[in-house]
PDB file of N, CA and C in Angstrom:
ATOM      1  N   UNK A   1     -15.436  -7.453   7.233  1.00  0.00           N
ATOM      2  CA  UNK A   1     -15.475  -6.520   6.588  1.00  0.00           C
ATOM      3  C   UNK A   1     -15.668  -5.310   7.921  1.00  0.00           C
ATOM      4  N   UNK A   2     -15.317  -5.966   9.846  1.00  0.00           N
ATOM      5  CA  UNK A   2     -16.581  -6.031  10.606  1.00  0.00           C
ATOM      6  C   UNK A   2     -16.457  -4.080  10.852  1.00  0.00           C
ATOM      7  N   UNK A   3     -17.574  -3.401  11.460  1.00  0.00           N
ATOM      8  CA  UNK A   3     -16.956  -2.383  11.871  1.00  0.00           C
ATOM      9  C   UNK A   3     -18.138  -0.804  10.895  1.00  0.00           C
ATOM     10  N   UNK A   4     -17.492  -0.512  10.541  1.00  0.00           N
ATOM     11  CA  UNK A   4     -18.382   0.642  10.508  1.00  0.00           C
ATOM     12  C   UNK A   4     -17.390   0.721   9.161  1.00  0.00           C
ATOM     13  N   UNK A   5     -18.373   0.896   7.563  1.00  0.00           N
ATOM     14  CA  UNK A   5     -17.359   1.573   6.724  1.00  0.00           C
ATOM     15  C   UNK A   5     -18.389   2.834   6.130  1.00  0.00           C
ATOM     16  N   UNK A   6     -16.624   3.260   5.717  1.00  0.00           N
ATOM     17  CA  UNK A   6     -16.444   4.655   5.886  1.00  0.00           C
ATOM     18  C   UNK A   6     -16.194   4.380   3.731  1.00  0.00           C
ATOM     19  N   UNK A   7     -16.665   5.381   2.598  1.00  0.00           N
ATOM     20  CA  UNK A   7     -16.320   4.717   1.136  1.00  0.00           C
ATOM     21  C   UNK A   7     -14.338   4.744   1.119  1.00  0.00           C
ATOM     22  N   UNK A   8     -14.058   5.710   2.196  1.00  0.00           N
ATOM     23  CA  UNK A   8     -12.124   5.768   1.533  1.00  0.00           C
ATOM     24  C   UNK A   8     -11.725   5.062   3.175  1.00  0.00           C
ATOM     25  N   UNK A   9     -12.352   3.545   3.330  1.00  0.00           N
ATOM     26  CA  UNK A   9     -11.430   2.343   4.235  1.00  0.00           C
ATOM     27  C   UNK A   9     -10.230   1.546   2.942  1.00  0.00           C
ATOM     28  N   UNK A  10      -9.964   1.752   2.900  1.00  0.00           N
ATOM     29  CA  UNK A  10      -8.691   0.744   2.767  1.00  0.00           C
ATOM     30  C   UNK A  10      -9.164  -0.678   1.921  1.00  0.00           C
ATOM     31  N   UNK A  11      -9.542  -1.650   2.772  1.00  0.00           N
ATOM     32  CA  UNK A  11      -9.935  -2.436   2.255  1.00  0.00           C
ATOM     33  C   UNK A  11     -11.029  -2.559   1.638  1.00  0.00           C
ATOM     34  N   UNK A  12     -12.131  -2.065   1.304  1.00  0.00           N
ATOM     35  CA  UNK A  12     -13.387  -1.472   1.435  1.00  0.00           C
ATOM     36  C   UNK A  12     -12.726  -1.276  -0.608  1.00  0.00           C
ATOM     37  N   UNK A  13     -11.522  -0.075  -1.048  1.00  0.00           N
ATOM     38  CA  UNK A  13     -11.777  -0.048  -2.182  1.00  0.00           C
ATOM     39  C   UNK A  13     -10.513  -0.599  -2.809  1.00  0.00           C
ATOM     40  N   UNK A  14      -9.923  -1.690  -1.912  1.00  0.00           N
ATOM     41  CA  UNK A  14      -8.587  -2.645  -2.342  1.00  0.00           C
ATOM     42  C   UNK A  14      -9.636  -3.717  -2.966  1.00  0.00           C
ATOM     43  N   UNK A  15     -11.430  -4.699  -2.864  1.00  0.00           N
ATOM     44  CA  UNK A  15     -12.053  -5.191  -3.107  1.00  0.00           C
ATOM     45  C   UNK A  15     -12.820  -4.318  -3.834  1.00  0.00           C
ATOM     46  N   UNK A  16     -13.131  -3.699  -4.270  1.00  0.00           N
ATOM     47  CA  UNK A  16     -13.802  -2.778  -5.342  1.00  0.00           C
ATOM     48  C   UNK A  16     -12.747  -2.989  -6.388  1.00  0.00           C
ATOM     49  N   UNK A  17     -12.042  -1.969  -6.525  1.00  0.00           N
ATOM     50  CA  UNK A  17     -10.939  -1.986  -7.256  1.00  0.00           C
ATOM     51  C   UNK A  17     -11.039  -3.803  -7.976  1.00  0.00           C
ATOM     52  N   UNK A  18     -10.385  -4.620  -7.285  1.00  0.00           N
ATOM     53  CA  UNK A  18     -10.019  -6.047  -7.828  1.00  0.00           C
ATOM     54  C   UNK A  18     -11.041  -6.454  -8.619  1.00  0.00           C
ATOM     55  N   UNK A  19     -12.379  -6.042  -8.318  1.00  0.00           N
ATOM     56  CA  UNK A  19     -13.446  -6.595  -8.676  1.00  0.00           C
ATOM     57  C   UNK A  19     -13.560  -5.850 -10.405  1.00  0.00           C
ATOM     58  N   UNK A  20     -12.752  -5.691 -10.195  1.00  0.00           N
ATOM     59  CA  UNK A  20     -13.134  -4.976 -11.742  1.00  0.00           C
ATOM     60  C   UNK A  20     -11.671  -6.481 -12.412  1.00  0.00           C
ATOM     61  N   UNK A  21     -10.868  -6.967 -12.131  1.00  0.00           N
ATOM     62  CA  UNK A  21      -9.692  -7.817 -12.474  1.00  0.00           C
ATOM     63  C   UNK A  21      -8.566  -7.885 -12.333  1.00  0.00           C
ATOM     64  N   UNK A  22      -7.472  -8.245 -11.344  1.00  0.00           N
ATOM     65  CA  UNK A  22      -6.608  -8.342 -10.912  1.00  0.00           C
ATOM     66  C   UNK A  22      -5.300  -6.900 -11.458  1.00  0.00           C
ATOM     67  N   UNK A  23      -5.359  -6.738 -10.236  1.00  0.00           N
ATOM     68  CA  UNK A  23      -4.224  -5.046 -10.558  1.00  0.00           C
ATOM     69  C   UNK A  23      -2.577  -5.844  -9.812  1.00  0.00           C
ATOM     70  N   UNK A  24      -1.706  -5.060  -9.453  1.00  0.00           N
ATOM     71  CA  UNK A  24      -0.628  -4.885  -8.576  1.00  0.00           C
ATOM     72  C   UNK A  24      -1.178  -3.465  -7.397  1.00  0.00           C
ATOM     73  N   UNK A  25       0.070  -3.550  -7.067  1.00  0.00           N
ATOM     74  CA  UNK A  25      -0.295  -2.063  -5.889  1.00  0.00           C
ATOM     75  C   UNK A  25       0.260  -1.261  -6.149  1.00  0.00           C
ATOM     76  N   UNK A  26       0.882  -0.629  -7.052  1.00  0.00           N
ATOM     77  CA  UNK A  26       0.227   1.028  -7.953  1.00  0.00           C
ATOM     78  C   UNK A  26      -1.376   0.447  -8.661  1.00  0.00           C
ATOM     79  N   UNK A  27      -1.158  -0.349 -10.388  1.00  0.00           N
ATOM     80  CA  UNK A  27      -1.770  -0.217 -10.544  1.00  0.00           C
ATOM     81  C   UNK A  27      -3.698   0.518  -9.855  1.00  0.00           C
ATOM     82  N   UNK A  28      -3.550  -0.536  -8.021  1.00  0.00           N
ATOM     83  CA  UNK A  28      -5.026  -0.584  -8.059  1.00  0.00           C
ATOM     84  C   UNK A  28      -5.079   1.113  -6.710  1.00  0.00           C
ATOM     85  N   UNK A  29      -3.397   1.533  -6.577  1.00  0.00           N
ATOM     86  CA  UNK A  29      -3.413   3.180  -5.793  1.00  0.00           C
ATOM     87  C   UNK A  29      -3.830   4.291  -7.135  1.00  0.00           C
ATOM     88  N   UNK A  30      -3.399   3.934  -7.967  1.00  0.00           N
ATOM     89  CA  UNK A  30      -3.542   4.497  -9.684  1.00  0.00           C
ATOM     90  C   UNK A  30      -5.782   3.854 -10.466  1.00  0.00           C
ATOM     91  N   UNK A  31      -6.653   2.771 -10.043  1.00  0.00           N
ATOM     92  CA  UNK A  31      -7.102   2.573  -9.658  1.00  0.00           C
ATOM     93  C   UNK A  31      -8.322   3.323  -8.550  1.00  0.00           C
ATOM     94  N   UNK A  32      -7.414   2.762  -7.547  1.00  0.00           N
ATOM     95  CA  UNK A  32      -9.280   3.513  -6.580  1.00  0.00           C
ATOM     96  C   UNK A  32      -8.877   5.412  -6.566  1.00  0.00           C
ATOM     97  N   UNK A  33      -7.860   6.182  -7.053  1.00  0.00           N
ATOM     98  CA  UNK A  33      -7.545   6.931  -7.041  1.00  0.00           C
ATOM     99  C   UNK A  33      -8.434   7.845  -7.982  1.00  0.00           C
ATOM    100  N   UNK A  34      -8.872   6.997  -9.435  1.00  0.00           N
ATOM    101  CA  UNK A  34     -10.002   7.553  -9.968  1.00  0.00           C
ATOM    102  C   UNK A  34     -10.768   7.671  -9.635  1.00  0.00           C
ATOM    103  N   UNK A  35     -11.459   6.006  -9.541  1.00  0.00           N
ATOM    104  CA  UNK A  35     -12.873   5.417  -9.229  1.00  0.00           C
ATOM    105  C   UNK A  35     -13.324   6.636  -7.885  1.00  0.00           C
ATOM    106  N   UNK A  36     -12.213   6.354  -6.782  1.00  0.00           N
ATOM    107  CA  UNK A  36     -12.530   7.093  -5.427  1.00  0.00           C
ATOM    108  C   UNK A  36     -12.215   8.126  -5.132  1.00  0.00           C
ATOM    109  N   UNK A  37     -10.685   9.519  -6.288  1.00  0.00           N
ATOM    110  CA  UNK A  37     -10.918  10.051  -5.663  1.00  0.00           C
ATOM    111  C   UNK A  37      -9.735  10.230  -4.227  1.00  0.00           C
ATOM    112  N   UNK A  38      -9.602   8.209  -4.308  1.00  0.00           N
ATOM    113  CA  UNK A  38      -8.009   9.201  -2.267  1.00  0.00           C
ATOM    114  C   UNK A  38      -7.076   8.237  -2.637  1.00  0.00           C
ATOM    115  N   UNK A  39      -6.204   8.422  -2.088  1.00  0.00           N
ATOM    116  CA  UNK A  39      -4.954   8.429  -2.593  1.00  0.00           C
ATOM    117  C   UNK A  39      -4.051   7.945  -1.646  1.00  0.00           C
ATOM    118  N   UNK A  40      -3.418   6.468  -1.710  1.00  0.00           N
ATOM    119  CA  UNK A  40      -3.595   5.518  -0.503  1.00  0.00           C
ATOM    120  C   UNK A  40      -1.263   5.391  -0.175  1.00  0.00           C
ATOM    121  N   UNK A  41      -1.611   6.197   0.519  1.00  0.00           N
ATOM    122  CA  UNK A  41      -0.202   6.125   0.549  1.00  0.00           C
ATOM    123  C   UNK A  41       0.532   4.080   0.944  1.00  0.00           C
ATOM    124  N   UNK A  42       1.644   3.830   0.396  1.00  0.00           N
ATOM    125  CA  UNK A  42       2.164   2.507   0.147  1.00  0.00           C
ATOM    126  C   UNK A  42       2.366   2.332   1.535  1.00  0.00           C
ATOM    127  N   UNK A  43       1.881   3.088   2.718  1.00  0.00           N
ATOM    128  CA  UNK A  43       1.796   1.830   4.212  1.00  0.00           C
ATOM    129  C   UNK A  43       0.837   1.385   4.963  1.00  0.00           C
ATOM    130  N   UNK A  44      -0.615   2.104   3.947  1.00  0.00           N
ATOM    131  CA  UNK A  44      -1.392   2.569   4.580  1.00  0.00           C
ATOM    132  C   UNK A  44      -2.604   1.176   3.093  1.00  0.00           C
ATOM    133  N   UNK A  45      -1.956   0.758   1.922  1.00  0.00           N
ATOM    134  CA  UNK A  45      -2.129  -0.002   1.107  1.00  0.00           C
ATOM    135  C   UNK A  45      -1.139  -1.120   0.954  1.00  0.00           C
ATOM    136  N   UNK A  46      -0.206  -1.560   1.122  1.00  0.00           N
ATOM    137  CA  UNK A  46       0.444  -2.789   1.156  1.00  0.00           C
ATOM    138  C   UNK A  46      -0.414  -3.001   2.989  1.00  0.00           C
ATOM    139  N   UNK A  47      -0.517  -2.833   3.982  1.00  0.00           N
ATOM    140  CA  UNK A  47      -0.416  -2.960   5.374  1.00  0.00           C
ATOM    141  C   UNK A  47      -2.281  -3.601   5.007  1.00  0.00           C
ATOM    142  N   UNK A  48      -3.066  -2.845   4.505  1.00  0.00           N
ATOM    143  CA  UNK A  48      -3.792  -3.143   3.585  1.00  0.00           C
ATOM    144  C   UNK A  48      -4.256  -4.818   3.052  1.00  0.00           C
ATOM    145  N   UNK A  49      -3.265  -4.822   1.922  1.00  0.00           N
ATOM    146  CA  UNK A  49      -3.289  -5.883   1.068  1.00  0.00           C
ATOM    147  C   UNK A  49      -3.164  -7.286   2.400  1.00  0.00           C
ATOM    148  N   UNK A  50      -2.073  -7.090   2.812  1.00  0.00           N
ATOM    149  CA  UNK A  50      -0.986  -8.260   3.337  1.00  0.00           C
ATOM    150  C   UNK A  50      -2.484  -8.313   4.724  1.00  0.00           C
ATOM    151  N   UNK A  51      -3.583  -7.460   5.148  1.00  0.00           N
ATOM    152  CA  UNK A  51      -4.496  -7.612   6.373  1.00  0.00           C
ATOM    153  C   UNK A  51      -5.755  -8.531   4.392  1.00  0.00           C
ATOM    154  N   UNK A  52      -5.503  -7.871   4.051  1.00  0.00           N
ATOM    155  CA  UNK A  52      -7.147  -8.799   2.748  1.00  0.00           C
ATOM    156  C   UNK A  52      -6.865 -10.039   2.506  1.00  0.00           C
ATOM    157  N   UNK A  53      -5.380 -10.303   2.390  1.00  0.00           N
ATOM    158  CA  UNK A  53      -4.409 -11.751   1.880  1.00  0.00           C
ATOM    159  C   UNK A  53      -4.777 -12.485   3.094  1.00  0.00           C
ATOM    160  N   UNK A  54      -4.852 -12.784   4.505  1.00  0.00           N
ATOM    161  CA  UNK A  54      -4.295 -13.013   5.432  1.00  0.00           C
ATOM    162  C   UNK A  54      -5.898 -13.341   5.604  1.00  0.00           C
ATOM    163  N   UNK A  55      -6.998 -13.247   5.719  1.00  0.00           N
ATOM    164  CA  UNK A  55      -8.668 -13.347   5.486  1.00  0.00           C
ATOM    165  C   UNK A  55      -9.111 -14.282   4.939  1.00  0.00           C
ATOM    166  N   UNK A  56      -8.108 -13.655   3.807  1.00  0.00           N
ATOM    167  CA  UNK A  56      -8.289 -14.734   2.050  1.00  0.00           C
ATOM    168  C   UNK A  56      -8.990 -14.161   1.821  1.00  0.00           C
ATOM    169  N   UNK A  57      -9.233 -13.105   1.411  1.00  0.00           N
ATOM    170  CA  UNK A  57      -9.936 -12.137   0.427  1.00  0.00           C
ATOM    171  C   UNK A  57      -9.811 -12.173  -0.465  1.00  0.00           C
ATOM    172  N   UNK A  58      -8.249 -11.544  -0.583  1.00  0.00           N
ATOM    173  CA  UNK A  58      -7.889 -11.330  -1.814  1.00  0.00           C
ATOM    174  C   UNK A  58      -6.699 -13.098  -1.538  1.00  0.00           C
ATOM    175  N   UNK A  59      -5.977 -12.387  -3.383  1.00  0.00           N
ATOM    176  CA  UNK A  59      -4.918 -13.420  -3.499  1.00  0.00           C
ATOM    177  C   UNK A  59      -3.833 -13.355  -4.393  1.00  0.00           C
ATOM    178  N   UNK A  60      -2.346 -13.489  -4.022  1.00  0.00           N
ATOM    179  CA  UNK A  60      -1.503 -13.414  -5.376  1.00  0.00           C
ATOM    180  C   UNK A  60      -1.577 -13.737  -5.817  1.00  0.00           C
ATOM    181  N   UNK A  61      -1.304 -13.413  -6.993  1.00  0.00           N
ATOM    182  CA  UNK A  61      -0.765 -13.949  -8.199  1.00  0.00           C
ATOM    183  C   UNK A  61       0.563 -14.062  -8.753  1.00  0.00           C
ATOM    184  N   UNK A  62       0.889 -14.925 -10.033  1.00  0.00           N
ATOM    185  CA  UNK A  62       2.574 -15.606 -10.744  1.00  0.00           C
ATOM    186  C   UNK A  62       3.194 -13.557 -10.560  1.00  0.00           C
ATOM    187  N   UNK A  63       4.228 -12.820 -10.233  1.00  0.00           N
ATOM    188  CA  UNK A  63       5.026 -12.077 -10.145  1.00  0.00           C
ATOM    189  C   UNK A  63       4.881 -11.984 -11.303  1.00  0.00           C
ATOM    190  N   UNK A  64       4.622 -10.551 -11.618  1.00  0.00           N
ATOM    191  CA  UNK A  64       4.953 -10.331 -13.750  1.00  0.00           C
ATOM    192  C   UNK A  64       6.386  -9.090 -13.360  1.00  0.00           C
ATOM    193  N   UNK A  65       7.283  -8.843 -13.741  1.00  0.00           N
ATOM    194  CA  UNK A  65       7.867  -7.848 -14.063  1.00  0.00           C
ATOM    195  C   UNK A  65       8.402  -7.177 -12.260  1.00  0.00           C
ATOM    196  N   UNK A  66       8.776  -8.554 -12.014  1.00  0.00           N
ATOM    197  CA  UNK A  66       8.859  -7.919 -10.651  1.00  0.00           C
ATOM    198  C   UNK A  66       7.582  -7.470  -9.587  1.00  0.00           C
ATOM    199  N   UNK A  67       6.408  -7.496 -10.141  1.00  0.00           N
ATOM    200  CA  UNK A  67       5.125  -6.932  -9.786  1.00  0.00           C
ATOM    201  C   UNK A  67       4.252  -7.547  -9.362  1.00  0.00           C
ATOM    202  N   UNK A  68       3.256  -7.771  -7.990  1.00  0.00           N
ATOM    203  CA  UNK A  68       2.900  -8.633  -7.548  1.00  0.00           C
ATOM    204  C   UNK A  68       1.347  -8.500  -7.935  1.00  0.00           C
ATOM    205  N   UNK A  69       0.322  -9.114  -8.697  1.00  0.00           N
ATOM    206  CA  UNK A  69      -0.449  -8.675  -8.973  1.00  0.00           C
ATOM    207  C   UNK A  69      -1.238  -9.546  -8.095  1.00  0.00           C
ATOM    208  N   UNK A  70      -2.912  -9.307  -7.747  1.00  0.00           N
ATOM    209  CA  UNK A  70      -3.075 -10.088  -6.816  1.00  0.00           C
ATOM    210  C   UNK A  70      -4.924  -9.629  -7.471  1.00  0.00           C
ATOM    211  N   UNK A  71      -5.298 -10.625  -6.923  1.00  0.00           N
ATOM    212  CA  UNK A  71      -6.959 -10.499  -7.434  1.00  0.00           C
ATOM    213  C   UNK A  71      -8.370 -10.554  -6.485  1.00  0.00           C
ATOM    214  N   UNK A  72      -9.157 -11.164  -7.044  1.00  0.00           N
ATOM    215  CA  UNK A  72      -9.684 -11.233  -5.561  1.00  0.00           C
ATOM    216  C   UNK A  72     -10.829 -12.400  -5.175  1.00  0.00           C
ATOM    217  N   UNK A  73     -11.596 -12.920  -4.017  1.00  0.00           N
ATOM    218  CA  UNK A  73     -11.531 -14.564  -3.479  1.00  0.00           C
ATOM    219  C   UNK A  73     -12.809 -14.763  -4.058  1.00  0.00           C
ATOM    220  N   UNK A  74     -13.687 -15.771  -4.095  1.00  0.00           N
ATOM    221  CA  UNK A  74     -14.320 -16.304  -3.580  1.00  0.00           C
ATOM    222  C   UNK A  74     -15.227 -15.356  -2.627  1.00  0.00           C
ATOM    223  N   UNK A  75     -14.320 -15.982  -1.525  1.00  0.00           N
ATOM    224  CA  UNK A  75     -14.792 -14.472  -0.035  1.00  0.00           C
ATOM    225  C   UNK A  75     -15.189 -13.564  -0.095  1.00  0.00           C
ATOM    226  N   UNK A  76     -13.698 -13.045  -1.042  1.00  0.00           N
ATOM    227  CA  UNK A  76     -13.588 -11.384  -1.100  1.00  0.00           C
ATOM    228  C   UNK A  76     -14.685 -10.819  -1.530  1.00  0.00           C
ATOM    229  N   UNK A  77     -15.685 -11.783  -2.751  1.00  0.00           N
ATOM    230  CA  UNK A  77     -16.739 -10.914  -3.632  1.00  0.00           C
ATOM    231  C   UNK A  77     -17.723 -11.119  -3.030  1.00  0.00           C
ATOM    232  N   UNK A  78     -17.632 -12.346  -1.625  1.00  0.00           N
ATOM    233  CA  UNK A  78     -18.470 -12.040  -0.885  1.00  0.00           C
ATOM    234  C   UNK A  78     -18.438 -11.031   0.510  1.00  0.00           C
ATOM    235  N   UNK A  79     -17.755 -11.046   0.703  1.00  0.00           N
ATOM    236  CA  UNK A  79     -17.574  -9.476   1.491  1.00  0.00           C
ATOM    237  C   UNK A  79     -17.540  -8.333   1.097  1.00  0.00           C
ATOM    238  N   UNK A  80     -17.248  -8.107  -0.469  1.00  0.00           N
ATOM    239  CA  UNK A  80     -17.634  -7.237  -0.895  1.00  0.00           C
ATOM    240  C   UNK A  80     -19.046  -6.585  -0.771  1.00  0.00           C
ATOM    241  N   UNK A  81     -19.648  -7.855  -1.480  1.00  0.00           N
ATOM    242  CA  UNK A  81     -21.388  -8.014  -1.725  1.00  0.00           C
ATOM    243  C   UNK A  81     -21.908  -7.985  -0.260  1.00  0.00           C
ATOM    244  N   UNK A  82     -21.620  -8.241   0.350  1.00  0.00           N
ATOM    245  CA  UNK A  82     -22.524  -7.658   1.848  1.00  0.00           C
ATOM    246  C   UNK A  82     -21.915  -6.528   2.227  1.00  0.00           C
ATOM    247  N   UNK A  83     -21.067  -5.889   1.900  1.00  0.00           N
ATOM    248  CA  UNK A  83     -20.602  -4.373   2.245  1.00  0.00           C
ATOM    249  C   UNK A  83     -21.548  -3.477   1.601  1.00  0.00           C
ATOM    250  N   UNK A  84     -21.205  -4.102  -0.373  1.00  0.00           N
ATOM    251  CA  UNK A  84     -22.173  -3.078  -0.705  1.00  0.00           C
ATOM    252  C   UNK A  84     -23.683  -2.339  -0.595  1.00  0.00           C
ATOM    253  N   UNK A  85     -24.081  -3.485  -0.134  1.00  0.00           N
ATOM    254  CA  UNK A  85     -25.675  -4.415  -0.139  1.00  0.00           C
ATOM    255  C   UNK A  85     -25.952  -3.679   1.117  1.00  0.00           C
ATOM    256  N   UNK A  86     -25.370  -3.942   2.232  1.00  0.00           N
ATOM    257  CA  UNK A  86     -25.044  -2.681   3.772  1.00  0.00           C
ATOM    258  C   UNK A  86     -25.460  -1.231   3.393  1.00  0.00           C
ATOM    259  N   UNK A  87     -24.087  -0.666   2.992  1.00  0.00           N
ATOM    260  CA  UNK A  87     -24.147   0.955   2.366  1.00  0.00           C
ATOM    261  C   UNK A  87     -25.802   1.276   1.302  1.00  0.00           C
ATOM    262  N   UNK A  88     -25.629   0.905   0.497  1.00  0.00           N
ATOM    263  CA  UNK A  88     -26.605   0.630  -0.139  1.00  0.00           C
ATOM    264  C   UNK A  88     -28.383   0.520   0.612  1.00  0.00           C
ATOM    265  N   UNK A  89     -29.027  -0.445   1.096  1.00  0.00           N
ATOM    266  CA  UNK A  89     -29.626   0.167   2.607  1.00  0.00           C
ATOM    267  C   UNK A  89     -29.314   1.499   3.554  1.00  0.00           C
ATOM    268  N   UNK A  90     -27.995   1.369   3.680  1.00  0.00           N
ATOM    269  CA  UNK A  90     -28.014   2.235   4.899  1.00  0.00           C
ATOM    270  C   UNK A  90     -28.193   3.752   3.178  1.00  0.00           C
ATOM    271  N   UNK A  91     -27.632   4.116   2.425  1.00  0.00           N
ATOM    272  CA  UNK A  91     -27.690   5.346   1.254  1.00  0.00           C
ATOM    273  C   UNK A  91     -29.199   5.826   1.973  1.00  0.00           C
ATOM    274  N   UNK A  92     -30.178   4.110   1.204  1.00  0.00           N
ATOM    275  CA  UNK A  92     -31.544   4.051   1.426  1.00  0.00           C
ATOM    276  C   UNK A  92     -32.328   5.115   2.141  1.00  0.00           C
ATOM    277  N   UNK A  93     -32.075   4.215   3.688  1.00  0.00           N
ATOM    278  CA  UNK A  93     -32.820   5.147   5.070  1.00  0.00           C
ATOM    279  C   UNK A  93     -32.219   6.522   5.018  1.00  0.00           C
ATOM    280  N   UNK A  94     -31.267   6.989   4.788  1.00  0.00           N
ATOM    281  CA  UNK A  94     -30.943   8.130   4.628  1.00  0.00           C
ATOM    282  C   UNK A  94     -30.935   8.883   4.012  1.00  0.00           C
ATOM    283  N   UNK A  95     -31.117   8.654   2.675  1.00  0.00           N
ATOM    284  CA  UNK A  95     -31.325  10.031   1.570  1.00  0.00           C
ATOM    285  C   UNK A  95     -33.056   9.657   1.758  1.00  0.00           C
ATOM    286  N   UNK A  96     -34.295   8.807   2.379  1.00  0.00           N
ATOM    287  CA  UNK A  96     -35.792   8.482   2.800  1.00  0.00           C
ATOM    288  C   UNK A  96     -35.630   9.563   3.805  1.00  0.00           C
ATOM    289  N   UNK A  97     -35.246   9.932   4.936  1.00  0.00           N
ATOM    290  CA  UNK A  97     -35.063  10.686   6.327  1.00  0.00           C
ATOM    291  C   UNK A  97     -34.468  11.833   5.813  1.00  0.00           C
ATOM    292  N   UNK A  98     -33.732  12.143   4.602  1.00  0.00           N
ATOM    293  CA  UNK A  98     -33.289  13.987   4.834  1.00  0.00           C
ATOM    294  C   UNK A  98     -34.521  13.822   3.490  1.00  0.00           C
ATOM    295  N   UNK A  99     -35.098  13.506   2.472  1.00  0.00           N
ATOM    296  CA  UNK A  99     -36.221  13.514   1.994  1.00  0.00           C
ATOM    297  C   UNK A  99     -36.197  13.742   0.622  1.00  0.00           C
ATOM    298  N   UNK A 100     -34.933  13.102  -0.133  1.00  0.00           N
ATOM    299  CA  UNK A 100     -34.911  13.035  -1.138  1.00  0.00           C
ATOM    300  C   UNK A 100     -34.315  11.561  -1.671  1.00  0.00           C
ATOM    301  N   UNK A 101     -34.560  11.243  -3.363  1.00  0.00           N
ATOM    302  CA  UNK A 101     -35.119  10.136  -3.486  1.00  0.00           C
ATOM    303  C   UNK A 101     -33.210  10.086  -4.029  1.00  0.00           C
ATOM    304  N   UNK A 102     -32.757   8.538  -3.926  1.00  0.00           N
ATOM    305  CA  UNK A 102     -31.680   8.412  -4.306  1.00  0.00           C
ATOM    306  C   UNK A 102     -31.744   7.640  -6.530  1.00  0.00           C
ATOM    307  N   UNK A 103     -31.526   7.899  -6.955  1.00  0.00           N
ATOM    308  CA  UNK A 103     -31.341   8.272  -8.684  1.00  0.00           C
ATOM    309  C   UNK A 103     -30.446   6.997  -8.757  1.00  0.00           C
ATOM    310  N   UNK A 104     -30.880   5.787  -9.752  1.00  0.00           N
ATOM    311  CA  UNK A 104     -30.117   4.907 -10.083  1.00  0.00           C
ATOM    312  C   UNK A 104     -29.391   4.831 -11.095  1.00  0.00           C
ATOM    313  N   UNK A 105     -27.879   4.517 -10.682  1.00  0.00           N
ATOM    314  CA  UNK A 105     -26.874   5.104 -11.154  1.00  0.00           C
ATOM    315  C   UNK A 105     -26.657   4.422 -12.317  1.00  0.00           C
ATOM    316  N   UNK A 106     -26.281   3.769 -13.381  1.00  0.00           N
ATOM    317  CA  UNK A 106     -25.925   3.478 -14.928  1.00  0.00           C
ATOM    318  C   UNK A 106     -24.846   3.088 -15.014  1.00  0.00           C
TER     319      UNK A 106
END
């Protein structure tokens, strides 16, 4: 997950979705739209899935009714945890420099 992290970064959104449990492509797209308000087109979604799988951050499960679910791997959990930590630190610094305090989410 090198480079600038954006809240609409497809790999980051996919890992976040899969952290809640395995999902197939359509389920990922719906979950991401729900929690992030981002609509990923099929090319973007499946391109990111392919790259995440190639990097060992997610893995496919056995197909169910012609749909292939994916799950996050241990390496994917570590990558997501690192990204979330970095984003949290950046948000805290940005908030401090803007003069406001971030409220903890529940």
